[in-house]
Structure formats: C-alpha cells, structure tokens
C-alpha atoms as a PDB file:
ATOM      1  CA  MET A   1       9.588 -10.191  -0.629  1.00  0.00           C
ATOM      2  CA  LYS A   2       8.334  -7.790  -3.313  1.00  0.00           C
ATOM      3  CA  ILE A   3       6.635  -4.602  -2.094  1.00  0.00           C
ATOM      4  CA  LEU A   4       4.953  -1.834  -4.088  1.00  0.00           C
ATOM      5  CA  ILE A   5       4.577   1.487  -2.259  1.00  0.00           C
ATOM      6  CA  VAL A   6       1.878   3.767  -3.684  1.00  0.00           C
ATOM      7  CA  ASP A   7       1.649   7.319  -2.394  1.00  0.00           C
ATOM      8  CA  ASP A   8       1.210  10.608  -4.301  1.00  0.00           C
ATOM      9  CA  ILE A   9       3.684  12.341  -1.939  1.00  0.00           C
ATOM     10  CA  GLN A  10       7.109  11.127  -3.062  1.00  0.00           C
ATOM     11  CA  GLU A  11       8.792  12.021   0.264  1.00  0.00           C
ATOM     12  CA  ILE A  12       6.357   9.768   2.177  1.00  0.00           C
ATOM     13  CA  ALA A  13       6.955   6.874  -0.195  1.00  0.00           C
ATOM     14  CA  ILE A  14      10.746   7.291   0.157  1.00  0.00           C
ATOM     15  CA  ASN A  15      10.498   7.406   3.977  1.00  0.00           C
ATOM     16  CA  ILE A  16       8.348   4.233   4.032  1.00  0.00           C
ATOM     17  CA  ASP A  17      10.907   2.638   1.720  1.00  0.00           C
ATOM     18  CA  LYS A  18      13.747   3.570   4.073  1.00  0.00           C
ATOM     19  CA  ILE A  19      11.935   2.077   7.077  1.00  0.00           C
ATOM     20  CA  ILE A  20      11.258  -1.162   5.268  1.00  0.00           C
ATOM     21  CA  ARG A  21      14.779  -1.474   3.840  1.00  0.00           C
ATOM     22  CA  TYR A  22      16.270  -0.922   7.299  1.00  0.00           C
ATOM     23  CA  ASN A  23      14.167  -3.780   8.694  1.00  0.00           C
ATOM     24  CA  LEU A  24      13.989  -6.007   5.607  1.00  0.00           C
ATOM     25  CA  PRO A  25      17.214  -5.321   3.650  1.00  0.00           C
ATOM     26  CA  ASP A  26      16.490  -8.048   1.105  1.00  0.00           C
ATOM     27  CA  ALA A  27      13.071  -6.629   0.156  1.00  0.00           C
ATOM     28  CA  ASN A  28      12.575  -5.725  -3.517  1.00  0.00           C
ATOM     29  CA  ILE A  29      10.719  -2.409  -3.447  1.00  0.00           C
ATOM     30  CA  GLU A  30       9.106  -0.378  -6.197  1.00  0.00           C
ATOM     31  CA  HIS A  31       7.188   2.951  -6.046  1.00  0.00           C
ATOM     32  CA  ALA A  32       4.240   4.528  -7.816  1.00  0.00           C
ATOM     33  CA  PHE A  33       2.815   7.978  -7.326  1.00  0.00           C
ATOM     34  CA  THR A  34      -0.392   7.960  -9.421  1.00  0.00           C
ATOM     35  CA  VAL A  35      -3.316   5.603  -9.987  1.00  0.00           C
ATOM     36  CA  ASP A  36      -2.193   4.754 -13.538  1.00  0.00           C
ATOM     37  CA  GLY A  37       1.430   4.354 -12.410  1.00  0.00           C
ATOM     38  CA  ALA A  38       0.326   2.035  -9.623  1.00  0.00           C
ATOM     39  CA  MET A  39      -1.732  -0.152 -11.911  1.00  0.00           C
ATOM     40  CA  PHE A  40       1.126  -0.394 -14.403  1.00  0.00           C
ATOM     41  CA  LYS A  41       3.722  -1.203 -11.728  1.00  0.00           C
ATOM     42  CA  TYR A  42       1.395  -3.759 -10.133  1.00  0.00           C
ATOM     43  CA  ASP A  43       0.922  -5.551 -13.460  1.00  0.00           C
ATOM     44  CA  GLU A  44       4.634  -5.503 -14.239  1.00  0.00           C
ATOM     45  CA  PHE A  45       6.050  -6.162 -10.777  1.00  0.00           C
ATOM     46  CA  SER A  46       3.546  -8.681  -9.285  1.00  0.00           C
ATOM     47  CA  PRO A  47       4.282  -7.695  -5.677  1.00  0.00           C
ATOM     48  CA  ASP A  48       3.614  -9.750  -2.585  1.00  0.00           C
ATOM     49  CA  PHE A  49       2.436  -6.584  -0.741  1.00  0.00           C
ATOM     50  CA  VAL A  50       1.029  -3.280  -1.906  1.00  0.00           C
ATOM     51  CA  LEU A  51       1.142  -0.404   0.586  1.00  0.00           C
ATOM     52  CA  LEU A  52      -1.560   1.825  -0.826  1.00  0.00           C
ATOM     53  CA  ASP A  53      -2.554   5.396   0.018  1.00  0.00           C
ATOM     54  CA  LEU A  54      -6.108   6.382  -0.789  1.00  0.00           C
ATOM     55  CA  GLY A  55      -5.474  10.009  -1.689  1.00  0.00           C
ATOM     56  CA  LEU A  56      -3.721   9.921  -5.052  1.00  0.00           C
ATOM     57  CA  GLY A  57      -4.263  13.343  -6.568  1.00  0.00           C
ATOM     58  CA  LYS A  58      -7.513  13.604  -8.530  1.00  0.00           C
ATOM     59  CA  ARG A  59      -8.142   9.867  -8.369  1.00  0.00           C
ATOM     60  CA  SER A  60      -8.434   7.369  -5.535  1.00  0.00           C
ATOM     61  CA  GLY A  61      -6.433   4.444  -4.296  1.00  0.00           C
ATOM     62  CA  LEU A  62      -9.749   2.582  -4.370  1.00  0.00           C
ATOM     63  CA  ASP A  63      -9.340   2.390  -8.118  1.00  0.00           C
ATOM     64  CA  VAL A  64      -6.013   0.658  -7.622  1.00  0.00           C
ATOM     65  CA  LEU A  65      -7.518  -1.735  -5.095  1.00  0.00           C
ATOM     66  CA  LYS A  66     -10.306  -2.651  -7.544  1.00  0.00           C
ATOM     67  CA  HIS A  67      -7.658  -3.253 -10.247  1.00  0.00           C
ATOM     68  CA  ILE A  68      -5.658  -5.573  -7.944  1.00  0.00           C
ATOM     69  CA  ARG A  69      -8.706  -7.549  -6.912  1.00  0.00           C
ATOM     70  CA  LYS A  70     -10.364  -7.898 -10.305  1.00  0.00           C
ATOM     71  CA  ASN A  71      -8.325 -11.035 -11.072  1.00  0.00           C
ATOM     72  CA  LYS A  72      -8.579 -12.561  -7.576  1.00  0.00           C
ATOM     73  CA  SER A  73      -4.995 -11.639  -6.789  1.00  0.00           C
ATOM     74  CA  LYS A  74      -3.389 -13.042  -3.629  1.00  0.00           C
ATOM     75  CA  THR A  75      -1.268  -9.909  -3.172  1.00  0.00           C
ATOM     76  CA  LYS A  76      -1.704  -8.532   0.314  1.00  0.00           C
ATOM     77  CA  VAL A  77      -3.030  -4.964   0.148  1.00  0.00           C
ATOM     78  CA  VAL A  78      -2.239  -2.673   3.092  1.00  0.00           C
ATOM     79  CA  ILE A  79      -4.125   0.598   3.050  1.00  0.00           C
ATOM     80  CA  VAL A  80      -1.804   3.225   4.574  1.00  0.00           C
ATOM     81  CA  THR A  81      -3.750   6.489   4.734  1.00  0.00           C
ATOM     82  CA  ASN A  82      -4.827   9.496   6.730  1.00  0.00           C
ATOM     83  CA  TYR A  83      -8.431   8.854   5.631  1.00  0.00           C
ATOM     84  CA  ASN A  84      -9.374   7.048   8.846  1.00  0.00           C
ATOM     85  CA  GLU A  85     -13.138   7.542   8.671  1.00  0.00           C
ATOM     86  CA  ALA A  86     -15.374   4.492   9.043  1.00  0.00           C
ATOM     87  CA  TYR A  87     -16.591   4.881   5.440  1.00  0.00           C
ATOM     88  CA  TYR A  88     -13.112   4.302   4.022  1.00  0.00           C
ATOM     89  CA  PHE A  89     -12.427   1.358   6.350  1.00  0.00           C
ATOM     90  CA  ARG A  90     -15.713  -0.247   5.329  1.00  0.00           C
ATOM     91  CA  LYS A  91     -15.212   0.451   1.592  1.00  0.00           C
ATOM     92  CA  CYS A  92     -11.650  -0.890   1.609  1.00  0.00           C
ATOM     93  CA  SER A  93     -12.805  -4.036   3.424  1.00  0.00           C
ATOM     94  CA  GLU A  94     -15.636  -4.537   0.904  1.00  0.00           C
ATOM     95  CA  LEU A  95     -13.163  -4.192  -1.986  1.00  0.00           C
ATOM     96  CA  GLY A  96     -10.738  -6.734  -0.457  1.00  0.00           C
ATOM     97  CA  ALA A  97      -8.033  -4.838   1.411  1.00  0.00           C
ATOM     98  CA  ASP A  98      -6.236  -7.060   3.827  1.00  0.00           C
ATOM     99  CA  TYR A  99      -5.157  -4.384   6.321  1.00  0.00           C
ATOM    100  CA  PHE A 100      -6.010  -0.725   7.061  1.00  0.00           C
ATOM    101  CA  ILE A 101      -3.429   1.486   8.804  1.00  0.00           C
ATOM    102  CA  ASP A 102      -3.960   5.108   9.905  1.00  0.00           C
ATOM    103  CA  LYS A 103      -0.692   6.814   8.926  1.00  0.00           C
ATOM    104  CA  SER A 104      -0.967   9.202  11.876  1.00  0.00           C
ATOM    105  CA  ASN A 105      -1.610   6.686  14.658  1.00  0.00           C
ATOM    106  CA  GLU A 106      -0.927   3.126  13.578  1.00  0.00           C
ATOM    107  CA  PHE A 107       2.106   3.190  11.312  1.00  0.00           C
ATOM    108  CA  ASN A 108       4.090   1.179  13.814  1.00  0.00           C
ATOM    109  CA  GLU A 109       1.747  -1.722  13.063  1.00  0.00           C
ATOM    110  CA  LEU A 110       3.440  -2.203   9.712  1.00  0.00           C
ATOM    111  CA  HIS A 111       6.161  -4.322  11.265  1.00  0.00           C
ATOM    112  CA  LYS A 112       3.555  -6.911  12.299  1.00  0.00           C
ATOM    113  CA  ILE A 113       2.117  -7.079   8.788  1.00  0.00           C
ATOM    114  CA  LEU A 114       5.493  -7.411   7.088  1.00  0.00           C
ATOM    115  CA  ASN A 115       6.852  -9.696   9.799  1.00  0.00           C
ATOM    116  CA  TRP A 116      10.007  -7.961  10.926  1.00  0.00           C
ATOM    117  CA  GLN A 117      11.327  -7.903  14.467  1.00  0.00           C
ATOM    118  CA  VAL A 118      11.239  -4.751  16.520  1.00  0.00           C
END
C-alpha cells in the first residue's frame, strides 16, 4: 500500500507516519509539506491513499484535492484536519474526498479506513 501524508507541520506528518508504520509495516509512505510539494509527490508516487490536511501554509489542501481529482484518479483521499466546520466537510465532499477525519476527535478512525486491526 502506498500512502502520501500531506501536512504543513512536519512533526504531525512524522507522527502519523509512525502510527501507520507500526500497524502496517509494509506500507510505502512518502511526505509532503506544501501544496506544490504534494502535487509533485502525488504525480511521481501515484499513491493508493492521500492523507491530506487542509491548512497548508498560505494555500489550501483543497488545491491538492482538485489536482488529484482532475484526472478522475481512484486514489482514496482522506482529509485529516482540524477544520471541522460544515463548510469544509461539504466542500471536500463536493471535490471528491473519500473520507473526512477531525484530527482532534476522530483520528482513531484511520485504522478503519486503512484496514488494520486494533
């Protein structure tokens, strides 16, 4: 399984990586910390899953989501964010996100999405 983790806070991306590697040791994981970096890594890496934060500095993870969906990609996009307002949930759904996780309250749901045993 190939997973791209996109978060502008490097420590968060690394912690998510550690959790996934502990539960899915054979996962192939890459990181990106900016919108441009995420688009480049996505194009080069062709992941099965993208774990995408919405707050990426001066730009938005919504730009990355649009980039992923512009070619009808089958990559599963999991929004992992603290932006838990209804507007963001609705916008991400409209743009084709597969899942929406509130980092603060629902992070434990990630195991169901990536199919590891708890």
